[in-house]
Amino acid sequence: TDCSVCGTRVKKSLSTRTHRCHSCGTVMHRDHNAAKQILLKGIKSTVGHTESKACGQNNLCLGGETPLI
């Protein structure tokens, strides 16, 4: 996985539970690093978007109907 601090690719086996980045020296639980990566990707994908598309581009939640609210 990539380091959530500097972005360097850090290879590790599934049994390795600690993320240690040889590039920036970051040390944290691998799940915490992964969660931070997911958060960063989510933030980057929404930058510049001001509207909510909770039902998707085609509003498939209501079968195309306009919500009453």
PDB file of N, CA and C in Angstrom:
ATOM      1  N   THR A   1       0.837  -1.198   0.000  1.00  0.00           N
ATOM      2  CA  THR A   1       0.000   0.000   0.000  1.00  0.00           C
ATOM      3  C   THR A   1       0.871   1.247   0.000  1.00  0.00           C
ATOM      4  N   ASP A   2       0.264   2.368  -0.263  1.00  0.00           N
ATOM      5  CA  ASP A   2       1.003   3.627  -0.272  1.00  0.00           C
ATOM      6  C   ASP A   2       0.997   4.246   1.120  1.00  0.00           C
ATOM      7  N   CYS A   3       2.038   5.016   1.409  1.00  0.00           N
ATOM      8  CA  CYS A   3       2.111   5.733   2.680  1.00  0.00           C
ATOM      9  C   CYS A   3       1.114   6.892   2.627  1.00  0.00           C
ATOM     10  N   SER A   4       0.293   7.023   3.663  1.00  0.00           N
ATOM     11  CA  SER A   4      -0.719   8.082   3.685  1.00  0.00           C
ATOM     12  C   SER A   4      -0.110   9.460   3.936  1.00  0.00           C
ATOM     13  N   VAL A   5       1.167   9.502   4.311  1.00  0.00           N
ATOM     14  CA  VAL A   5       1.828  10.784   4.566  1.00  0.00           C
ATOM     15  C   VAL A   5       2.568  11.289   3.326  1.00  0.00           C
ATOM     16  N   CYS A   6       3.398  10.419   2.723  1.00  0.00           N
ATOM     17  CA  CYS A   6       4.230  10.881   1.603  1.00  0.00           C
ATOM     18  C   CYS A   6       3.886  10.232   0.264  1.00  0.00           C
ATOM     19  N   GLY A   7       3.061   9.180   0.265  1.00  0.00           N
ATOM     20  CA  GLY A   7       2.643   8.543  -0.975  1.00  0.00           C
ATOM     21  C   GLY A   7       3.562   7.458  -1.499  1.00  0.00           C
ATOM     22  N   THR A   8       4.670   7.189  -0.805  1.00  0.00           N
ATOM     23  CA  THR A   8       5.608   6.158  -1.238  1.00  0.00           C
ATOM     24  C   THR A   8       4.969   4.781  -1.141  1.00  0.00           C
ATOM     25  N   ARG A   9       5.191   3.933  -2.151  1.00  0.00           N
ATOM     26  CA  ARG A   9       4.677   2.559  -2.146  1.00  0.00           C
ATOM     27  C   ARG A   9       5.482   1.746  -1.136  1.00  0.00           C
ATOM     28  N   VAL A  10       4.796   1.119  -0.174  1.00  0.00           N
ATOM     29  CA  VAL A  10       5.444   0.309   0.853  1.00  0.00           C
ATOM     30  C   VAL A  10       4.861  -1.089   0.780  1.00  0.00           C
ATOM     31  N   LYS A  11       5.644  -2.033   0.254  1.00  0.00           N
ATOM     32  CA  LYS A  11       5.163  -3.411   0.133  1.00  0.00           C
ATOM     33  C   LYS A  11       5.245  -4.097   1.483  1.00  0.00           C
ATOM     34  N   LYS A  12       4.197  -4.882   1.787  1.00  0.00           N
ATOM     35  CA  LYS A  12       4.185  -5.664   3.025  1.00  0.00           C
ATOM     36  C   LYS A  12       3.277  -6.857   2.839  1.00  0.00           C
ATOM     37  N   SER A  13       3.549  -7.914   3.581  1.00  0.00           N
ATOM     38  CA  SER A  13       2.696  -9.100   3.524  1.00  0.00           C
ATOM     39  C   SER A  13       1.440  -8.848   4.349  1.00  0.00           C
ATOM     40  N   LEU A  14       0.436  -9.681   4.157  1.00  0.00           N
ATOM     41  CA  LEU A  14      -0.817  -9.526   4.895  1.00  0.00           C
ATOM     42  C   LEU A  14      -0.618  -9.696   6.398  1.00  0.00           C
ATOM     43  N   SER A  15       0.385 -10.475   6.792  1.00  0.00           N
ATOM     44  CA  SER A  15       0.623 -10.713   8.221  1.00  0.00           C
ATOM     45  C   SER A  15       1.326  -9.532   8.897  1.00  0.00           C
ATOM     46  N   THR A  16       1.870  -8.610   8.126  1.00  0.00           N
ATOM     47  CA  THR A  16       2.523  -7.428   8.694  1.00  0.00           C
ATOM     48  C   THR A  16       1.450  -6.431   9.092  1.00  0.00           C
ATOM     49  N   ARG A  17       1.347  -6.147  10.383  1.00  0.00           N
ATOM     50  CA  ARG A  17       0.267  -5.306  10.895  1.00  0.00           C
ATOM     51  C   ARG A  17       0.671  -3.842  11.076  1.00  0.00           C
ATOM     52  N   THR A  18       1.963  -3.543  10.947  1.00  0.00           N
ATOM     53  CA  THR A  18       2.438  -2.176  11.142  1.00  0.00           C
ATOM     54  C   THR A  18       2.949  -1.599   9.830  1.00  0.00           C
ATOM     55  N   HIS A  19       2.492  -0.403   9.512  1.00  0.00           N
ATOM     56  CA  HIS A  19       2.976   0.319   8.329  1.00  0.00           C
ATOM     57  C   HIS A  19       4.219   1.090   8.747  1.00  0.00           C
ATOM     58  N   ARG A  20       5.342   0.832   8.075  1.00  0.00           N
ATOM     59  CA  ARG A  20       6.589   1.554   8.314  1.00  0.00           C
ATOM     60  C   ARG A  20       7.086   2.071   6.970  1.00  0.00           C
ATOM     61  N   CYS A  21       7.103   3.380   6.821  1.00  0.00           N
ATOM     62  CA  CYS A  21       7.556   3.979   5.567  1.00  0.00           C
ATOM     63  C   CYS A  21       9.055   4.246   5.642  1.00  0.00           C
ATOM     64  N   HIS A  22       9.809   3.631   4.741  1.00  0.00           N
ATOM     65  CA  HIS A  22      11.258   3.824   4.706  1.00  0.00           C
ATOM     66  C   HIS A  22      11.630   5.204   4.154  1.00  0.00           C
ATOM     67  N   SER A  23      10.687   5.864   3.507  1.00  0.00           N
ATOM     68  CA  SER A  23      10.969   7.163   2.904  1.00  0.00           C
ATOM     69  C   SER A  23      10.814   8.321   3.896  1.00  0.00           C
ATOM     70  N   CYS A  24       9.662   8.383   4.594  1.00  0.00           N
ATOM     71  CA  CYS A  24       9.416   9.515   5.502  1.00  0.00           C
ATOM     72  C   CYS A  24       9.478   9.140   6.982  1.00  0.00           C
ATOM     73  N   GLY A  25       9.566   7.828   7.281  1.00  0.00           N
ATOM     74  CA  GLY A  25       9.691   7.394   8.666  1.00  0.00           C
ATOM     75  C   GLY A  25       8.378   7.222   9.411  1.00  0.00           C
ATOM     76  N   THR A  26       7.255   7.359   8.733  1.00  0.00           N
ATOM     77  CA  THR A  26       5.949   7.193   9.371  1.00  0.00           C
ATOM     78  C   THR A  26       5.772   5.762   9.861  1.00  0.00           C
ATOM     79  N   VAL A  27       5.264   5.616  11.089  1.00  0.00           N
ATOM     80  CA  VAL A  27       4.960   4.306  11.658  1.00  0.00           C
ATOM     81  C   VAL A  27       3.554   4.372  12.237  1.00  0.00           C
ATOM     82  N   MET A  28       2.670   3.474  11.781  1.00  0.00           N
ATOM     83  CA  MET A  28       1.307   3.397  12.315  1.00  0.00           C
ATOM     84  C   MET A  28       0.720   2.030  11.977  1.00  0.00           C
ATOM     85  N   HIS A  29      -0.392   1.685  12.587  1.00  0.00           N
ATOM     86  CA  HIS A  29      -1.076   0.428  12.278  1.00  0.00           C
ATOM     87  C   HIS A  29      -1.478   0.460  10.810  1.00  0.00           C
ATOM     88  N   ARG A  30      -1.334  -0.657  10.124  1.00  0.00           N
ATOM     89  CA  ARG A  30      -1.612  -0.690   8.681  1.00  0.00           C
ATOM     90  C   ARG A  30      -3.053  -0.324   8.361  1.00  0.00           C
ATOM     91  N   ASP A  31      -4.006  -0.677   9.253  1.00  0.00           N
ATOM     92  CA  ASP A  31      -5.410  -0.333   9.011  1.00  0.00           C
ATOM     93  C   ASP A  31      -5.641   1.175   9.117  1.00  0.00           C
ATOM     94  N   HIS A  32      -4.922   1.823  10.031  1.00  0.00           N
ATOM     95  CA  HIS A  32      -5.031   3.277  10.172  1.00  0.00           C
ATOM     96  C   HIS A  32      -4.486   3.951   8.910  1.00  0.00           C
ATOM     97  N   ASN A  33      -3.358   3.463   8.406  1.00  0.00           N
ATOM     98  CA  ASN A  33      -2.798   4.002   7.164  1.00  0.00           C
ATOM     99  C   ASN A  33      -3.779   3.820   6.009  1.00  0.00           C
ATOM    100  N   ALA A  34      -4.383   2.638   5.918  1.00  0.00           N
ATOM    101  CA  ALA A  34      -5.344   2.365   4.843  1.00  0.00           C
ATOM    102  C   ALA A  34      -6.567   3.276   4.951  1.00  0.00           C
ATOM    103  N   ALA A  35      -7.055   3.482   6.177  1.00  0.00           N
ATOM    104  CA  ALA A  35      -8.216   4.353   6.384  1.00  0.00           C
ATOM    105  C   ALA A  35      -7.896   5.789   5.959  1.00  0.00           C
ATOM    106  N   LYS A  36      -6.698   6.252   6.278  1.00  0.00           N
ATOM    107  CA  LYS A  36      -6.298   7.601   5.873  1.00  0.00           C
ATOM    108  C   LYS A  36      -6.203   7.701   4.353  1.00  0.00           C
ATOM    109  N   GLN A  37      -5.739   6.635   3.699  1.00  0.00           N
ATOM    110  CA  GLN A  37      -5.669   6.623   2.236  1.00  0.00           C
ATOM    111  C   GLN A  37      -7.063   6.738   1.624  1.00  0.00           C
ATOM    112  N   ILE A  38      -8.009   5.974   2.171  1.00  0.00           N
ATOM    113  CA  ILE A  38      -9.389   6.014   1.673  1.00  0.00           C
ATOM    114  C   ILE A  38      -9.977   7.414   1.857  1.00  0.00           C
ATOM    115  N   LEU A  39      -9.751   8.009   3.027  1.00  0.00           N
ATOM    116  CA  LEU A  39     -10.240   9.364   3.294  1.00  0.00           C
ATOM    117  C   LEU A  39      -9.648  10.364   2.301  1.00  0.00           C
ATOM    118  N   LEU A  40      -8.338  10.298   2.084  1.00  0.00           N
ATOM    119  CA  LEU A  40      -7.684  11.225   1.157  1.00  0.00           C
ATOM    120  C   LEU A  40      -8.216  11.075  -0.262  1.00  0.00           C
ATOM    121  N   LYS A  41      -8.439   9.847  -0.709  1.00  0.00           N
ATOM    122  CA  LYS A  41      -8.979   9.625  -2.051  1.00  0.00           C
ATOM    123  C   LYS A  41     -10.402  10.165  -2.162  1.00  0.00           C
ATOM    124  N   GLY A  42     -11.196   9.994  -1.092  1.00  0.00           N
ATOM    125  CA  GLY A  42     -12.557  10.523  -1.087  1.00  0.00           C
ATOM    126  C   GLY A  42     -12.577  12.037  -1.144  1.00  0.00           C
ATOM    127  N   ILE A  43     -11.704  12.662  -0.389  1.00  0.00           N
ATOM    128  CA  ILE A  43     -11.631  14.125  -0.390  1.00  0.00           C
ATOM    129  C   ILE A  43     -11.199  14.632  -1.761  1.00  0.00           C
ATOM    130  N   LYS A  44     -10.185  13.998  -2.346  1.00  0.00           N
ATOM    131  CA  LYS A  44      -9.702  14.426  -3.666  1.00  0.00           C
ATOM    132  C   LYS A  44     -10.779  14.275  -4.736  1.00  0.00           C
ATOM    133  N   SER A  45     -11.613  13.249  -4.617  1.00  0.00           N
ATOM    134  CA  SER A  45     -12.630  13.019  -5.649  1.00  0.00           C
ATOM    135  C   SER A  45     -13.812  13.978  -5.537  1.00  0.00           C
ATOM    136  N   THR A  46     -13.935  14.687  -4.419  1.00  0.00           N
ATOM    137  CA  THR A  46     -15.058  15.612  -4.251  1.00  0.00           C
ATOM    138  C   THR A  46     -14.648  17.077  -4.322  1.00  0.00           C
ATOM    139  N   VAL A  47     -13.369  17.366  -4.446  1.00  0.00           N
ATOM    140  CA  VAL A  47     -12.906  18.753  -4.516  1.00  0.00           C
ATOM    141  C   VAL A  47     -13.513  19.427  -5.743  1.00  0.00           C
ATOM    142  N   GLY A  48     -14.123  20.593  -5.529  1.00  0.00           N
ATOM    143  CA  GLY A  48     -14.720  21.341  -6.628  1.00  0.00           C
ATOM    144  C   GLY A  48     -16.166  20.991  -6.915  1.00  0.00           C
ATOM    145  N   HIS A  49     -16.701  19.984  -6.237  1.00  0.00           N
ATOM    146  CA  HIS A  49     -18.102  19.592  -6.428  1.00  0.00           C
ATOM    147  C   HIS A  49     -18.920  20.157  -5.274  1.00  0.00           C
ATOM    148  N   THR A  50     -19.894  20.990  -5.584  1.00  0.00           N
ATOM    149  CA  THR A  50     -20.682  21.631  -4.536  1.00  0.00           C
ATOM    150  C   THR A  50     -22.043  20.990  -4.336  1.00  0.00           C
ATOM    151  N   GLU A  51     -22.460  20.138  -5.250  1.00  0.00           N
ATOM    152  CA  GLU A  51     -23.786  19.537  -5.130  1.00  0.00           C
ATOM    153  C   GLU A  51     -23.686  18.080  -4.701  1.00  0.00           C
ATOM    154  N   SER A  52     -24.761  17.563  -4.153  1.00  0.00           N
ATOM    155  CA  SER A  52     -24.802  16.172  -3.714  1.00  0.00           C
ATOM    156  C   SER A  52     -25.404  15.300  -4.803  1.00  0.00           C
ATOM    157  N   LYS A  53     -24.776  14.183  -5.057  1.00  0.00           N
ATOM    158  CA  LYS A  53     -25.294  13.187  -6.002  1.00  0.00           C
ATOM    159  C   LYS A  53     -25.490  11.872  -5.247  1.00  0.00           C
ATOM    160  N   ALA A  54     -26.148  11.945  -4.098  1.00  0.00           N
ATOM    161  CA  ALA A  54     -26.318  10.774  -3.247  1.00  0.00           C
ATOM    162  C   ALA A  54     -27.027   9.641  -3.965  1.00  0.00           C
ATOM    163  N   CYS A  55     -27.882   9.959  -4.916  1.00  0.00           N
ATOM    164  CA  CYS A  55     -28.600   8.933  -5.677  1.00  0.00           C
ATOM    165  C   CYS A  55     -27.916   8.622  -7.001  1.00  0.00           C
ATOM    166  N   GLY A  56     -26.780   9.236  -7.262  1.00  0.00           N
ATOM    167  CA  GLY A  56     -26.067   8.984  -8.509  1.00  0.00           C
ATOM    168  C   GLY A  56     -26.435   9.988  -9.574  1.00  0.00           C
ATOM    169  N   GLN A  57     -25.725   9.930 -10.679  1.00  0.00           N
ATOM    170  CA  GLN A  57     -25.935  10.868 -11.781  1.00  0.00           C
ATOM    171  C   GLN A  57     -27.349  10.801 -12.341  1.00  0.00           C
ATOM    172  N   ASN A  58     -27.920   9.610 -12.425  1.00  0.00           N
ATOM    173  CA  ASN A  58     -29.216   9.433 -13.078  1.00  0.00           C
ATOM    174  C   ASN A  58     -30.387   9.360 -12.106  1.00  0.00           C
ATOM    175  N   ASN A  59     -30.154   9.658 -10.827  1.00  0.00           N
ATOM    176  CA  ASN A  59     -31.203   9.649  -9.809  1.00  0.00           C
ATOM    177  C   ASN A  59     -31.961   8.322  -9.801  1.00  0.00           C
ATOM    178  N   LEU A  60     -31.233   7.223  -9.718  1.00  0.00           N
ATOM    179  CA  LEU A  60     -31.843   5.897  -9.762  1.00  0.00           C
ATOM    180  C   LEU A  60     -32.494   5.480  -8.445  1.00  0.00           C
ATOM    181  N   CYS A  61     -32.299   6.239  -7.379  1.00  0.00           N
ATOM    182  CA  CYS A  61     -32.870   5.880  -6.080  1.00  0.00           C
ATOM    183  C   CYS A  61     -34.395   5.820  -6.121  1.00  0.00           C
ATOM    184  N   LEU A  62     -34.999   6.752  -6.821  1.00  0.00           N
ATOM    185  CA  LEU A  62     -36.456   6.845  -6.851  1.00  0.00           C
ATOM    186  C   LEU A  62     -37.018   6.424  -8.202  1.00  0.00           C
ATOM    187  N   GLY A  63     -36.251   5.690  -8.968  1.00  0.00           N
ATOM    188  CA  GLY A  63     -36.711   5.293 -10.289  1.00  0.00           C
ATOM    189  C   GLY A  63     -36.888   6.483 -11.212  1.00  0.00           C
ATOM    190  N   GLY A  64     -36.118   7.544 -10.971  1.00  0.00           N
ATOM    191  CA  GLY A  64     -36.194   8.727 -11.818  1.00  0.00           C
ATOM    192  C   GLY A  64     -37.203   9.752 -11.347  1.00  0.00           C
ATOM    193  N   GLU A  65     -37.979   9.430 -10.295  1.00  0.00           N
ATOM    194  CA  GLU A  65     -38.976  10.376  -9.784  1.00  0.00           C
ATOM    195  C   GLU A  65     -38.291  11.493  -9.013  1.00  0.00           C
ATOM    196  N   THR A  66     -38.908  12.648  -8.997  1.00  0.00           N
ATOM    197  CA  THR A  66     -38.401  13.767  -8.226  1.00  0.00           C
ATOM    198  C   THR A  66     -38.835  13.600  -6.776  1.00  0.00           C
ATOM    199  N   PRO A  67     -37.919  13.752  -5.803  1.00  0.00           N
ATOM    200  CA  PRO A  67     -38.301  13.626  -4.395  1.00  0.00           C
ATOM    201  C   PRO A  67     -39.303  14.705  -3.992  1.00  0.00           C
ATOM    202  N   LEU A  68     -40.186  14.393  -3.036  1.00  0.00           N
ATOM    203  CA  LEU A  68     -41.205  15.334  -2.580  1.00  0.00           C
ATOM    204  C   LEU A  68     -40.635  16.412  -1.681  1.00  0.00           C
ATOM    205  N   ILE A  69     -39.500  16.166  -1.102  1.00  0.00           N
ATOM    206  CA  ILE A  69     -38.915  17.125  -0.156  1.00  0.00           C
ATOM    207  C   ILE A  69     -38.183  18.208  -0.884  1.00  0.00           C
TER     208      ILE A  69
END
